Every structure is written in structure tokens, then in C-alpha cells.
Amino acid sequence: MIEELRIQITAAQERLAAAVEADQPYEAARHRARLEDLIEMAARHGIDVSAWVDQARLRG
């Protein structure tokens, strides 16, 4: 489960970065929300993902 979570967080961050770079605010917001959902899911299971997440991406 942890490895799958890491993969999904990495993918969400990559998609978020691409959307920001392409100046697609709707897509960026969508990927940011997905990233936040993944972080919340990890927290519910007691998994600290802070080292995997670029906090600057979350602030938008």
C-alpha cells in the first residue's frame, strides 16, 4: 500500500507541475485536490508522507 501511495503522490505532483507550467488553472486545481486527498488518506492510515510532498505545490 505504501509504495502505491508513493506512486500516486508522485504522479499527482507531476501532473500538477505540468498543469501549472501549461497555465491551466482548472487542471492545476484538480491535481492539487487529488494530492490533498492522497495526503489525507495517508494520514488516516498513519503514514507520514511529508518527505514525499513538495509543500510549495500545495500552496499554489
Protein backbone atom coordinates (compact mmCIF):
# COMPACT_ATOMS: atom_id res chain seq x y z
CA MET A 1 0.00 0.00 0.00
CA ILE A 2 2.76 2.44 0.87
CA GLU A 3 4.53 2.02 -2.47
CA GLU A 4 1.27 2.53 -4.39
CA LEU A 5 0.58 5.66 -2.35
CA ARG A 6 4.05 6.99 -3.15
CA ILE A 7 3.49 6.31 -6.86
CA GLN A 8 0.14 8.11 -6.84
CA ILE A 9 1.53 11.10 -4.93
CA THR A 10 4.45 11.37 -7.36
CA ALA A 11 2.10 11.18 -10.35
CA ALA A 12 -0.24 13.82 -8.88
CA GLN A 13 2.67 16.16 -8.27
CA GLU A 14 3.99 15.66 -11.81
CA ARG A 15 0.56 16.34 -13.31
CA LEU A 16 0.14 19.39 -11.08
CA ALA A 17 3.51 20.76 -12.17
CA ALA A 18 2.64 20.20 -15.83
CA ALA A 19 -0.72 21.95 -15.44
CA VAL A 20 0.88 24.93 -13.70
CA GLU A 21 3.55 25.15 -16.40
CA ALA A 22 0.88 24.97 -19.13
CA ASP A 23 -1.11 27.72 -17.37
CA GLN A 24 -4.14 25.50 -16.90
CA PRO A 25 -5.62 26.66 -13.58
CA TYR A 26 -8.59 24.26 -13.65
CA GLU A 27 -6.34 21.24 -14.20
CA ALA A 28 -3.89 22.51 -11.59
CA ALA A 29 -6.69 22.82 -9.03
CA ARG A 30 -7.91 19.33 -9.90
CA HIS A 31 -4.47 17.78 -9.41
CA ARG A 32 -3.86 19.79 -6.24
CA ALA A 33 -7.15 18.45 -4.83
CA ARG A 34 -6.13 14.88 -5.72
CA LEU A 35 -2.80 15.40 -3.99
CA GLU A 36 -4.55 16.72 -0.90
CA ASP A 37 -6.87 13.68 -0.93
CA LEU A 38 -3.89 11.34 -1.08
CA ILE A 39 -2.20 13.14 1.81
CA GLU A 40 -5.38 12.89 3.86
CA MET A 41 -5.72 9.19 3.07
CA ALA A 42 -2.14 8.59 4.18
CA ALA A 43 -2.74 10.46 7.43
CA ARG A 44 -5.81 8.32 8.16
CA HIS A 45 -3.57 5.26 7.90
CA GLY A 46 -0.79 6.78 9.99
CA ILE A 47 1.61 7.24 7.07
CA ASP A 48 3.79 10.34 7.11
CA VAL A 49 4.21 11.49 3.50
CA SER A 50 5.66 14.92 4.25
CA ALA A 51 9.03 13.93 2.79
CA TRP A 52 7.35 12.93 -0.49
CA VAL A 53 5.32 16.10 -0.97
CA ASP A 54 6.54 19.42 -2.29
CA GLN A 55 4.70 21.78 0.07
CA ALA A 56 5.14 24.69 -2.37
CA ARG A 57 2.91 22.83 -4.85
CA LEU A 58 0.11 22.65 -2.32
CA ARG A 59 0.13 26.40 -1.73
CA GLY A 60 -0.33 27.07 -5.41
